[in-house]
Amino acid sequence: MEKTITYFESTGKENTQAVIDAAIKRAEELRIKQIVVSSTSGYTALELAKAANGKDLKIICVSYQYGIKEDGKWEMEFDTLKELQKIGVEVVIQSHLFSGIERAISNKLGGTSRIDVISNTLRSLFGQGFKVAVEITMMAADSGKIPVGPETEVIAIGGTGHGADVAVVIKPTHSHKFFDAQIREIIAMPRER
């Protein structure tokens, strides 16, 4: 099999539309029905949903939990959440897979956790958006929003900061089976991280 990978000169929001276009095209070629997208504000999920309108695709927006920046607060505006839900986007609100209690222990007592090693390895080798794409796939699987099985593939879209700059085809798994996940294809990613 031969296919094209889209590379960007740098990370960032300016790559969002190209990532979305490449992800939808590859989903159609592979007959993949689910695209998992990381979206804090809802911007990237809305852009993906607009581009996928009329196509046989299920969009799952994964956002992080309340309290990341301010106790009891969530970063996505309620109106944006309602708009996403109205157009059929499923929204997952969940703690980051690669942080949670392990990060709290490291922050309080020092040292590095095994989960930080995994997170930093993915980030160092492939970039923040790539790490996010892997992470959100398992978060969506753990929430029951995507199927998990030996032949199942989904597309995951992640980003660095704002917007999207990575898309991959991934065989999803639940977080407790992390090492069973497989990146099957890189659709798009930045060269510089």
N, C-alpha and C. Protein backbone atom coordinates (compact mmCIF):
# COMPACT_ATOMS: atom_id res chain seq x y z
N MET A 1 0.85 -1.17 0.00
CA MET A 1 0.00 0.00 0.00
C MET A 1 0.90 1.24 0.00
N GLU A 2 0.49 2.20 -0.77
CA GLU A 2 1.21 3.47 -0.81
C GLU A 2 0.21 4.58 -0.59
N LYS A 3 0.56 5.53 0.28
CA LYS A 3 -0.31 6.67 0.53
C LYS A 3 0.53 7.88 0.90
N THR A 4 -0.11 9.02 0.85
CA THR A 4 0.57 10.27 1.14
C THR A 4 0.35 10.68 2.59
N ILE A 5 1.39 11.20 3.21
CA ILE A 5 1.30 11.80 4.54
C ILE A 5 1.47 13.30 4.36
N THR A 6 0.61 14.07 4.99
CA THR A 6 0.74 15.53 4.96
C THR A 6 1.62 15.96 6.11
N TYR A 7 2.69 16.69 5.80
CA TYR A 7 3.58 17.23 6.83
C TYR A 7 3.44 18.75 6.86
N PHE A 8 3.44 19.31 8.06
CA PHE A 8 3.39 20.75 8.24
C PHE A 8 4.76 21.24 8.72
N GLU A 9 5.10 22.46 8.35
CA GLU A 9 6.38 23.03 8.77
C GLU A 9 6.43 23.29 10.27
N SER A 10 5.26 23.56 10.86
CA SER A 10 5.22 23.85 12.29
C SER A 10 3.89 23.39 12.87
N THR A 11 3.78 23.47 14.18
CA THR A 11 2.54 23.12 14.87
C THR A 11 1.57 24.28 14.80
N GLY A 12 0.31 24.02 15.12
CA GLY A 12 -0.59 25.14 15.32
C GLY A 12 -1.91 25.09 14.60
N LYS A 13 -2.74 26.06 14.99
CA LYS A 13 -4.12 26.19 14.53
C LYS A 13 -4.23 26.36 13.01
N GLU A 14 -3.22 26.96 12.40
CA GLU A 14 -3.28 27.20 10.95
C GLU A 14 -3.33 25.91 10.15
N ASN A 15 -3.03 24.78 10.76
CA ASN A 15 -3.07 23.48 10.08
C ASN A 15 -4.43 22.79 10.18
N THR A 16 -5.34 23.37 10.95
CA THR A 16 -6.60 22.71 11.29
C THR A 16 -7.39 22.25 10.06
N GLN A 17 -7.63 23.14 9.11
CA GLN A 17 -8.46 22.76 7.97
C GLN A 17 -7.81 21.68 7.12
N ALA A 18 -6.50 21.75 6.94
CA ALA A 18 -5.81 20.72 6.16
C ALA A 18 -5.88 19.36 6.86
N VAL A 19 -5.77 19.36 8.19
CA VAL A 19 -5.89 18.11 8.95
C VAL A 19 -7.29 17.53 8.79
N ILE A 20 -8.30 18.38 8.95
CA ILE A 20 -9.69 17.94 8.83
C ILE A 20 -9.95 17.36 7.44
N ASP A 21 -9.52 18.06 6.41
CA ASP A 21 -9.74 17.58 5.04
C ASP A 21 -9.07 16.23 4.81
N ALA A 22 -7.82 16.10 5.26
CA ALA A 22 -7.08 14.84 5.07
C ALA A 22 -7.71 13.71 5.88
N ALA A 23 -8.18 14.01 7.08
CA ALA A 23 -8.79 12.98 7.94
C ALA A 23 -10.10 12.47 7.34
N ILE A 24 -10.93 13.38 6.86
CA ILE A 24 -12.20 12.97 6.25
C ILE A 24 -11.95 12.15 4.99
N LYS A 25 -11.01 12.60 4.18
CA LYS A 25 -10.69 11.86 2.95
C LYS A 25 -10.23 10.44 3.27
N ARG A 26 -9.36 10.31 4.27
CA ARG A 26 -8.85 8.97 4.61
C ARG A 26 -9.94 8.12 5.25
N ALA A 27 -10.80 8.72 6.03
CA ALA A 27 -11.93 7.98 6.62
C ALA A 27 -12.81 7.40 5.53
N GLU A 28 -13.07 8.19 4.50
CA GLU A 28 -13.90 7.70 3.39
C GLU A 28 -13.19 6.58 2.63
N GLU A 29 -11.88 6.73 2.40
CA GLU A 29 -11.13 5.70 1.68
C GLU A 29 -11.11 4.37 2.43
N LEU A 30 -10.99 4.44 3.75
CA LEU A 30 -10.90 3.23 4.57
C LEU A 30 -12.25 2.78 5.13
N ARG A 31 -13.29 3.54 4.81
CA ARG A 31 -14.64 3.27 5.33
C ARG A 31 -14.67 3.27 6.86
N ILE A 32 -13.91 4.16 7.43
CA ILE A 32 -13.91 4.36 8.88
C ILE A 32 -15.09 5.26 9.21
N LYS A 33 -15.83 4.92 10.25
CA LYS A 33 -17.07 5.63 10.58
C LYS A 33 -16.95 6.59 11.76
N GLN A 34 -15.84 6.52 12.52
CA GLN A 34 -15.70 7.38 13.69
C GLN A 34 -14.43 8.22 13.60
N ILE A 35 -14.59 9.51 13.89
CA ILE A 35 -13.44 10.39 14.03
C ILE A 35 -13.50 10.98 15.44
N VAL A 36 -12.42 10.78 16.18
CA VAL A 36 -12.29 11.31 17.53
C VAL A 36 -11.43 12.57 17.44
N VAL A 37 -11.91 13.67 18.02
CA VAL A 37 -11.20 14.94 17.91
C VAL A 37 -11.05 15.59 19.28
N SER A 38 -9.85 16.08 19.54
CA SER A 38 -9.60 16.82 20.76
C SER A 38 -10.08 18.25 20.56
N SER A 39 -10.83 18.77 21.52
CA SER A 39 -11.31 20.15 21.40
C SER A 39 -11.60 20.70 22.78
N THR A 40 -10.85 21.72 23.16
CA THR A 40 -11.03 22.36 24.46
C THR A 40 -12.16 23.38 24.40
N SER A 41 -12.11 24.26 23.43
CA SER A 41 -13.13 25.31 23.30
C SER A 41 -14.32 24.86 22.46
N GLY A 42 -14.13 23.81 21.68
CA GLY A 42 -15.16 23.34 20.75
C GLY A 42 -14.90 23.76 19.32
N TYR A 43 -13.94 24.65 19.11
CA TYR A 43 -13.64 25.18 17.77
C TYR A 43 -13.32 24.05 16.77
N THR A 44 -12.36 23.21 17.11
CA THR A 44 -11.93 22.17 16.17
C THR A 44 -13.05 21.18 15.90
N ALA A 45 -13.80 20.82 16.94
CA ALA A 45 -14.92 19.89 16.76
C ALA A 45 -15.99 20.49 15.85
N LEU A 46 -16.28 21.78 16.02
CA LEU A 46 -17.26 22.44 15.15
C LEU A 46 -16.79 22.47 13.71
N GLU A 47 -15.53 22.79 13.50
CA GLU A 47 -14.98 22.83 12.14
C GLU A 47 -15.04 21.44 11.49
N LEU A 48 -14.71 20.42 12.25
CA LEU A 48 -14.78 19.05 11.74
C LEU A 48 -16.22 18.67 11.40
N ALA A 49 -17.14 18.99 12.29
CA ALA A 49 -18.56 18.66 12.06
C ALA A 49 -19.10 19.36 10.82
N LYS A 50 -18.71 20.61 10.61
CA LYS A 50 -19.15 21.33 9.41
C LYS A 50 -18.61 20.65 8.15
N ALA A 51 -17.34 20.28 8.18
CA ALA A 51 -16.72 19.65 7.01
C ALA A 51 -17.29 18.25 6.75
N ALA A 52 -17.72 17.57 7.81
CA ALA A 52 -18.25 16.21 7.68
C ALA A 52 -19.76 16.18 7.48
N ASN A 53 -20.40 17.33 7.41
CA ASN A 53 -21.85 17.40 7.26
C ASN A 53 -22.29 16.63 6.01
N GLY A 54 -23.27 15.75 6.19
CA GLY A 54 -23.79 14.96 5.07
C GLY A 54 -23.01 13.69 4.80
N LYS A 55 -21.93 13.47 5.52
CA LYS A 55 -21.13 12.25 5.35
C LYS A 55 -21.50 11.27 6.46
N ASP A 56 -21.28 10.01 6.22
CA ASP A 56 -21.63 8.97 7.18
C ASP A 56 -20.51 8.81 8.21
N LEU A 57 -20.34 9.85 9.03
CA LEU A 57 -19.27 9.86 10.04
C LEU A 57 -19.83 10.25 11.40
N LYS A 58 -19.38 9.56 12.41
CA LYS A 58 -19.72 9.92 13.79
C LYS A 58 -18.54 10.71 14.35
N ILE A 59 -18.82 11.91 14.84
CA ILE A 59 -17.78 12.77 15.40
C ILE A 59 -17.87 12.70 16.92
N ILE A 60 -16.74 12.39 17.56
CA ILE A 60 -16.66 12.35 19.01
C ILE A 60 -15.65 13.40 19.45
N CYS A 61 -16.12 14.40 20.16
CA CYS A 61 -15.27 15.48 20.69
C CYS A 61 -14.84 15.10 22.10
N VAL A 62 -13.54 15.05 22.33
CA VAL A 62 -13.03 14.75 23.67
C VAL A 62 -12.42 16.01 24.25
N SER A 63 -12.93 16.40 25.39
CA SER A 63 -12.45 17.58 26.10
C SER A 63 -12.00 17.16 27.48
N TYR A 64 -11.19 17.99 28.10
CA TYR A 64 -10.73 17.59 29.43
C TYR A 64 -11.68 18.05 30.53
N GLN A 65 -11.40 17.57 31.71
CA GLN A 65 -12.29 17.72 32.85
C GLN A 65 -12.38 19.16 33.35
N TYR A 66 -13.35 19.37 34.18
CA TYR A 66 -13.50 20.63 34.89
C TYR A 66 -12.28 20.84 35.79
N GLY A 67 -11.93 22.10 36.02
CA GLY A 67 -10.92 22.45 37.01
C GLY A 67 -9.49 22.48 36.52
N ILE A 68 -9.26 22.33 35.23
CA ILE A 68 -7.88 22.36 34.72
C ILE A 68 -7.23 23.72 35.01
N LYS A 69 -7.92 24.80 34.69
CA LYS A 69 -7.37 26.14 34.91
C LYS A 69 -7.93 26.80 36.16
N GLU A 70 -9.19 26.51 36.46
CA GLU A 70 -9.84 27.12 37.62
C GLU A 70 -10.81 26.11 38.22
N ASP A 71 -10.72 25.93 39.53
CA ASP A 71 -11.57 24.95 40.20
C ASP A 71 -13.03 25.14 39.82
N GLY A 72 -13.67 24.03 39.46
CA GLY A 72 -15.10 24.03 39.17
C GLY A 72 -15.49 24.61 37.83
N LYS A 73 -14.52 25.03 37.02
CA LYS A 73 -14.82 25.65 35.72
C LYS A 73 -14.37 24.73 34.59
N TRP A 74 -15.15 24.78 33.50
CA TRP A 74 -14.83 24.03 32.28
C TRP A 74 -14.51 25.04 31.20
N GLU A 75 -13.60 24.72 30.32
CA GLU A 75 -13.13 25.67 29.31
C GLU A 75 -14.11 25.89 28.16
N MET A 76 -14.96 24.93 27.86
CA MET A 76 -15.89 25.08 26.75
C MET A 76 -17.12 25.86 27.21
N GLU A 77 -17.54 26.81 26.39
CA GLU A 77 -18.76 27.57 26.69
C GLU A 77 -19.97 26.65 26.56
N PHE A 78 -20.96 26.86 27.42
CA PHE A 78 -22.16 26.03 27.41
C PHE A 78 -22.88 26.12 26.06
N ASP A 79 -22.92 27.30 25.45
CA ASP A 79 -23.57 27.46 24.14
C ASP A 79 -22.87 26.62 23.07
N THR A 80 -21.55 26.54 23.15
CA THR A 80 -20.80 25.72 22.19
C THR A 80 -21.12 24.24 22.39
N LEU A 81 -21.19 23.81 23.64
CA LEU A 81 -21.57 22.43 23.93
C LEU A 81 -22.94 22.12 23.34
N LYS A 82 -23.89 22.99 23.54
CA LYS A 82 -25.25 22.78 23.01
C LYS A 82 -25.24 22.73 21.48
N GLU A 83 -24.44 23.60 20.85
CA GLU A 83 -24.35 23.60 19.39
C GLU A 83 -23.77 22.27 18.88
N LEU A 84 -22.72 21.80 19.53
CA LEU A 84 -22.13 20.51 19.15
C LEU A 84 -23.15 19.38 19.28
N GLN A 85 -23.84 19.36 20.39
CA GLN A 85 -24.84 18.30 20.62
C GLN A 85 -25.98 18.39 19.61
N LYS A 86 -26.37 19.61 19.27
CA LYS A 86 -27.47 19.81 18.31
C LYS A 86 -27.14 19.25 16.94
N ILE A 87 -25.87 19.33 16.54
CA ILE A 87 -25.48 18.83 15.22
C ILE A 87 -24.99 17.38 15.27
N GLY A 88 -25.19 16.73 16.41
CA GLY A 88 -24.91 15.30 16.51
C GLY A 88 -23.52 14.90 16.96
N VAL A 89 -22.72 15.86 17.41
CA VAL A 89 -21.38 15.54 17.91
C VAL A 89 -21.52 15.03 19.35
N GLU A 90 -20.91 13.89 19.62
CA GLU A 90 -20.90 13.38 20.99
C GLU A 90 -19.72 14.00 21.72
N VAL A 91 -19.96 14.50 22.92
CA VAL A 91 -18.92 15.18 23.69
C VAL A 91 -18.57 14.35 24.91
N VAL A 92 -17.27 14.07 25.06
CA VAL A 92 -16.74 13.34 26.20
C VAL A 92 -15.98 14.33 27.08
N ILE A 93 -16.34 14.38 28.35
CA ILE A 93 -15.61 15.21 29.32
C ILE A 93 -14.97 14.24 30.29
N GLN A 94 -13.64 14.23 30.30
CA GLN A 94 -12.95 13.22 31.11
C GLN A 94 -11.57 13.73 31.51
N SER A 95 -11.06 13.21 32.62
CA SER A 95 -9.70 13.54 33.04
C SER A 95 -8.71 13.08 31.98
N HIS A 96 -7.63 13.85 31.84
CA HIS A 96 -6.57 13.44 30.93
C HIS A 96 -6.10 12.04 31.29
N LEU A 97 -5.95 11.23 30.29
CA LEU A 97 -5.48 9.87 30.51
C LEU A 97 -4.07 9.87 31.09
N PHE A 98 -3.22 10.78 30.59
CA PHE A 98 -1.82 10.79 30.99
C PHE A 98 -1.54 11.77 32.13
N SER A 99 -2.47 11.92 33.06
CA SER A 99 -2.18 12.77 34.23
C SER A 99 -2.96 12.26 35.42
N GLY A 100 -3.98 12.97 35.83
CA GLY A 100 -4.81 12.53 36.95
C GLY A 100 -4.04 12.41 38.25
N ILE A 101 -4.33 11.36 39.00
CA ILE A 101 -3.74 11.18 40.33
C ILE A 101 -2.23 10.99 40.26
N GLU A 102 -1.74 10.30 39.23
CA GLU A 102 -0.28 10.13 39.09
C GLU A 102 0.42 11.48 39.04
N ARG A 103 -0.13 12.43 38.29
CA ARG A 103 0.46 13.76 38.19
C ARG A 103 0.40 14.48 39.53
N ALA A 104 -0.70 14.32 40.26
CA ALA A 104 -0.82 14.95 41.58
C ALA A 104 0.26 14.43 42.53
N ILE A 105 0.53 13.14 42.48
CA ILE A 105 1.57 12.56 43.33
C ILE A 105 2.94 13.12 42.95
N SER A 106 3.25 13.17 41.66
CA SER A 106 4.53 13.73 41.20
C SER A 106 4.66 15.19 41.60
N ASN A 107 3.59 15.96 41.44
CA ASN A 107 3.63 17.38 41.79
C ASN A 107 3.83 17.58 43.29
N LYS A 108 3.23 16.75 44.09
CA LYS A 108 3.29 16.90 45.55
C LYS A 108 4.59 16.35 46.13
N LEU A 109 4.99 15.18 45.68
CA LEU A 109 6.11 14.47 46.29
C LEU A 109 7.39 14.48 45.46
N GLY A 110 7.28 14.95 44.22
CA GLY A 110 8.45 14.95 43.34
C GLY A 110 8.57 13.64 42.59
N GLY A 111 9.56 13.58 41.74
CA GLY A 111 9.77 12.37 40.97
C GLY A 111 8.92 12.35 39.71
N THR A 112 9.06 11.26 38.99
CA THR A 112 8.32 11.08 37.75
C THR A 112 7.57 9.77 37.80
N SER A 113 6.34 9.81 37.35
CA SER A 113 5.54 8.58 37.33
C SER A 113 5.76 7.84 36.02
N ARG A 114 5.38 6.59 35.99
CA ARG A 114 5.48 5.81 34.76
C ARG A 114 4.60 6.41 33.67
N ILE A 115 3.45 6.94 34.06
CA ILE A 115 2.55 7.52 33.07
C ILE A 115 3.15 8.79 32.46
N ASP A 116 3.91 9.55 33.27
CA ASP A 116 4.61 10.72 32.74
C ASP A 116 5.67 10.30 31.72
N VAL A 117 6.31 9.17 31.96
CA VAL A 117 7.31 8.66 31.02
C VAL A 117 6.65 8.35 29.68
N ILE A 118 5.51 7.69 29.70
CA ILE A 118 4.79 7.38 28.46
C ILE A 118 4.39 8.67 27.75
N SER A 119 3.79 9.59 28.50
CA SER A 119 3.34 10.85 27.93
C SER A 119 4.49 11.64 27.32
N ASN A 120 5.57 11.78 28.07
CA ASN A 120 6.71 12.55 27.58
C ASN A 120 7.42 11.87 26.43
N THR A 121 7.41 10.55 26.39
CA THR A 121 8.01 9.83 25.27
C THR A 121 7.23 10.10 23.99
N LEU A 122 5.91 9.97 24.05
CA LEU A 122 5.10 10.27 22.86
C LEU A 122 5.29 11.71 22.42
N ARG A 123 5.27 12.65 23.38
CA ARG A 123 5.42 14.07 23.07
C ARG A 123 6.80 14.36 22.45
N SER A 124 7.85 13.77 23.02
CA SER A 124 9.21 14.03 22.53
C SER A 124 9.45 13.44 21.14
N LEU A 125 8.99 12.22 20.92
CA LEU A 125 9.24 11.57 19.64
C LEU A 125 8.35 12.06 18.52
N PHE A 126 7.07 12.32 18.83
CA PHE A 126 6.11 12.60 17.78
C PHE A 126 5.41 13.95 17.90
N GLY A 127 5.48 14.60 19.07
CA GLY A 127 4.86 15.90 19.25
C GLY A 127 3.62 15.84 20.13
N GLN A 128 3.23 17.01 20.62
CA GLN A 128 2.08 17.13 21.52
C GLN A 128 0.78 16.65 20.87
N GLY A 129 0.53 17.06 19.63
CA GLY A 129 -0.70 16.67 18.96
C GLY A 129 -0.83 15.16 18.79
N PHE A 130 0.29 14.49 18.55
CA PHE A 130 0.31 13.04 18.40
C PHE A 130 -0.03 12.37 19.73
N LYS A 131 0.59 12.87 20.81
CA LYS A 131 0.29 12.35 22.15
C LYS A 131 -1.18 12.51 22.46
N VAL A 132 -1.72 13.68 22.13
CA VAL A 132 -3.14 13.96 22.37
C VAL A 132 -4.03 13.00 21.58
N ALA A 133 -3.69 12.73 20.33
CA ALA A 133 -4.49 11.82 19.50
C ALA A 133 -4.58 10.43 20.12
N VAL A 134 -3.46 9.93 20.63
CA VAL A 134 -3.45 8.62 21.29
C VAL A 134 -4.31 8.68 22.56
N GLU A 135 -4.10 9.71 23.34
CA GLU A 135 -4.78 9.87 24.63
C GLU A 135 -6.30 9.95 24.47
N ILE A 136 -6.78 10.78 23.54
CA ILE A 136 -8.23 10.97 23.40
C ILE A 136 -8.93 9.73 22.86
N THR A 137 -8.20 8.93 22.08
CA THR A 137 -8.79 7.70 21.57
C THR A 137 -9.14 6.77 22.72
N MET A 138 -8.24 6.64 23.67
CA MET A 138 -8.51 5.78 24.83
C MET A 138 -9.56 6.39 25.75
N MET A 139 -9.57 7.70 25.86
CA MET A 139 -10.60 8.37 26.66
C MET A 139 -11.99 8.11 26.06
N ALA A 140 -12.08 8.18 24.72
CA ALA A 140 -13.36 7.91 24.05
C ALA A 140 -13.75 6.45 24.20
N ALA A 141 -12.77 5.55 24.11
CA ALA A 141 -13.06 4.12 24.29
C ALA A 141 -13.53 3.84 25.71
N ASP A 142 -12.85 4.42 26.69
CA ASP A 142 -13.22 4.21 28.09
C ASP A 142 -14.61 4.77 28.40
N SER A 143 -15.05 5.75 27.61
CA SER A 143 -16.38 6.34 27.80
C SER A 143 -17.46 5.60 27.01
N GLY A 144 -17.07 4.59 26.25
CA GLY A 144 -18.03 3.81 25.47
C GLY A 144 -18.51 4.51 24.21
N LYS A 145 -17.78 5.52 23.74
CA LYS A 145 -18.22 6.29 22.57
C LYS A 145 -17.71 5.74 21.25
N ILE A 146 -16.70 4.87 21.29
CA ILE A 146 -16.20 4.24 20.07
C ILE A 146 -16.09 2.74 20.30
N PRO A 147 -16.22 1.96 19.23
CA PRO A 147 -16.07 0.52 19.39
C PRO A 147 -14.61 0.14 19.58
N VAL A 148 -14.39 -0.97 20.24
CA VAL A 148 -13.05 -1.50 20.45
C VAL A 148 -13.08 -2.96 20.03
N GLY A 149 -12.15 -3.35 19.19
CA GLY A 149 -12.09 -4.74 18.75
C GLY A 149 -10.88 -4.95 17.87
N PRO A 150 -10.56 -6.19 17.56
CA PRO A 150 -9.33 -6.49 16.81
C PRO A 150 -9.29 -5.88 15.41
N GLU A 151 -10.44 -5.67 14.79
CA GLU A 151 -10.46 -5.12 13.43
C GLU A 151 -10.93 -3.67 13.38
N THR A 152 -11.19 -3.08 14.54
CA THR A 152 -11.72 -1.71 14.58
C THR A 152 -10.61 -0.69 14.37
N GLU A 153 -10.90 0.30 13.55
CA GLU A 153 -10.01 1.44 13.38
C GLU A 153 -10.85 2.71 13.47
N VAL A 154 -10.26 3.75 14.05
CA VAL A 154 -10.86 5.08 14.07
C VAL A 154 -9.79 6.06 13.63
N ILE A 155 -10.22 7.26 13.34
CA ILE A 155 -9.26 8.34 13.09
C ILE A 155 -9.28 9.25 14.30
N ALA A 156 -8.10 9.65 14.75
CA ALA A 156 -7.97 10.56 15.88
C ALA A 156 -7.25 11.82 15.42
N ILE A 157 -7.79 12.96 15.85
CA ILE A 157 -7.23 14.27 15.51
C ILE A 157 -6.82 14.97 16.80
N GLY A 158 -5.56 15.37 16.87
CA GLY A 158 -5.03 16.08 18.03
C GLY A 158 -4.36 17.37 17.61
N GLY A 159 -4.00 18.16 18.60
CA GLY A 159 -3.36 19.43 18.28
C GLY A 159 -2.38 19.87 19.35
N THR A 160 -1.66 20.91 19.00
CA THR A 160 -0.68 21.52 19.90
C THR A 160 -1.19 22.90 20.24
N GLY A 161 -1.65 23.10 21.44
CA GLY A 161 -2.21 24.40 21.82
C GLY A 161 -3.63 24.52 21.32
N HIS A 162 -3.83 25.23 20.23
CA HIS A 162 -5.16 25.46 19.67
C HIS A 162 -5.24 24.83 18.29
N GLY A 163 -6.43 24.37 17.93
CA GLY A 163 -6.62 23.78 16.60
C GLY A 163 -6.04 22.39 16.52
N ALA A 164 -5.85 21.93 15.28
CA ALA A 164 -5.37 20.56 15.04
C ALA A 164 -4.14 20.58 14.14
N ASP A 165 -3.21 19.65 14.41
CA ASP A 165 -2.05 19.51 13.54
C ASP A 165 -1.63 18.05 13.35
N VAL A 166 -2.42 17.11 13.87
CA VAL A 166 -2.12 15.69 13.73
C VAL A 166 -3.40 14.91 13.45
N ALA A 167 -3.31 13.94 12.55
CA ALA A 167 -4.38 12.97 12.36
C ALA A 167 -3.74 11.61 12.14
N VAL A 168 -4.29 10.60 12.81
CA VAL A 168 -3.78 9.24 12.68
C VAL A 168 -4.94 8.26 12.55
N VAL A 169 -4.65 7.13 11.92
CA VAL A 169 -5.56 5.98 11.96
C VAL A 169 -5.04 5.12 13.11
N ILE A 170 -5.94 4.78 14.03
CA ILE A 170 -5.52 4.05 15.22
C ILE A 170 -6.48 2.91 15.51
N LYS A 171 -5.93 1.80 15.94
CA LYS A 171 -6.73 0.69 16.46
C LYS A 171 -6.92 1.00 17.94
N PRO A 172 -8.15 1.33 18.34
CA PRO A 172 -8.36 1.78 19.71
C PRO A 172 -8.37 0.63 20.72
N THR A 173 -8.10 1.00 21.94
CA THR A 173 -8.19 0.07 23.05
C THR A 173 -8.58 0.86 24.29
N HIS A 174 -8.98 0.16 25.32
CA HIS A 174 -9.25 0.82 26.59
C HIS A 174 -7.92 1.12 27.28
N SER A 175 -7.94 2.10 28.18
CA SER A 175 -6.70 2.56 28.79
C SER A 175 -5.97 1.46 29.57
N HIS A 176 -6.69 0.54 30.18
CA HIS A 176 -6.01 -0.52 30.93
C HIS A 176 -5.33 -1.54 30.01
N LYS A 177 -5.56 -1.40 28.71
CA LYS A 177 -4.88 -2.25 27.72
C LYS A 177 -4.06 -1.36 26.77
N PHE A 178 -3.47 -0.31 27.32
CA PHE A 178 -2.75 0.70 26.55
C PHE A 178 -1.83 0.09 25.49
N PHE A 179 -1.08 -0.92 25.84
CA PHE A 179 -0.08 -1.46 24.93
C PHE A 179 -0.66 -2.32 23.81
N ASP A 180 -1.97 -2.49 23.80
CA ASP A 180 -2.63 -3.17 22.68
C ASP A 180 -3.03 -2.20 21.57
N ALA A 181 -2.97 -0.91 21.84
CA ALA A 181 -3.31 0.09 20.81
C ALA A 181 -2.26 0.05 19.71
N GLN A 182 -2.67 0.42 18.50
CA GLN A 182 -1.73 0.46 17.38
C GLN A 182 -2.00 1.69 16.53
N ILE A 183 -0.95 2.44 16.24
CA ILE A 183 -1.06 3.49 15.23
C ILE A 183 -0.91 2.78 13.90
N ARG A 184 -1.96 2.81 13.09
CA ARG A 184 -1.93 2.09 11.82
C ARG A 184 -1.41 2.98 10.69
N GLU A 185 -1.73 4.28 10.76
CA GLU A 185 -1.27 5.22 9.72
C GLU A 185 -1.13 6.60 10.32
N ILE A 186 -0.18 7.34 9.81
CA ILE A 186 -0.09 8.77 10.09
C ILE A 186 -0.67 9.47 8.87
N ILE A 187 -1.70 10.26 9.09
CA ILE A 187 -2.34 11.00 8.01
C ILE A 187 -1.69 12.36 7.85
N ALA A 188 -1.46 13.03 8.98
CA ALA A 188 -0.85 14.36 8.96
C ALA A 188 -0.16 14.62 10.29
N MET A 189 0.95 15.37 10.23
CA MET A 189 1.65 15.77 11.45
C MET A 189 2.67 16.86 11.13
N PRO A 190 3.04 17.65 12.13
CA PRO A 190 4.07 18.66 11.90
C PRO A 190 5.47 18.04 11.91
N ARG A 191 6.36 18.60 11.10
CA ARG A 191 7.75 18.15 11.10
C ARG A 191 8.50 18.72 12.28
N GLU A 192 8.20 19.96 12.62
CA GLU A 192 8.83 20.61 13.77
C GLU A 192 7.90 20.52 14.95
N ARG A 193 8.44 20.19 16.09
CA ARG A 193 7.63 20.09 17.29
C ARG A 193 8.16 21.02 18.31
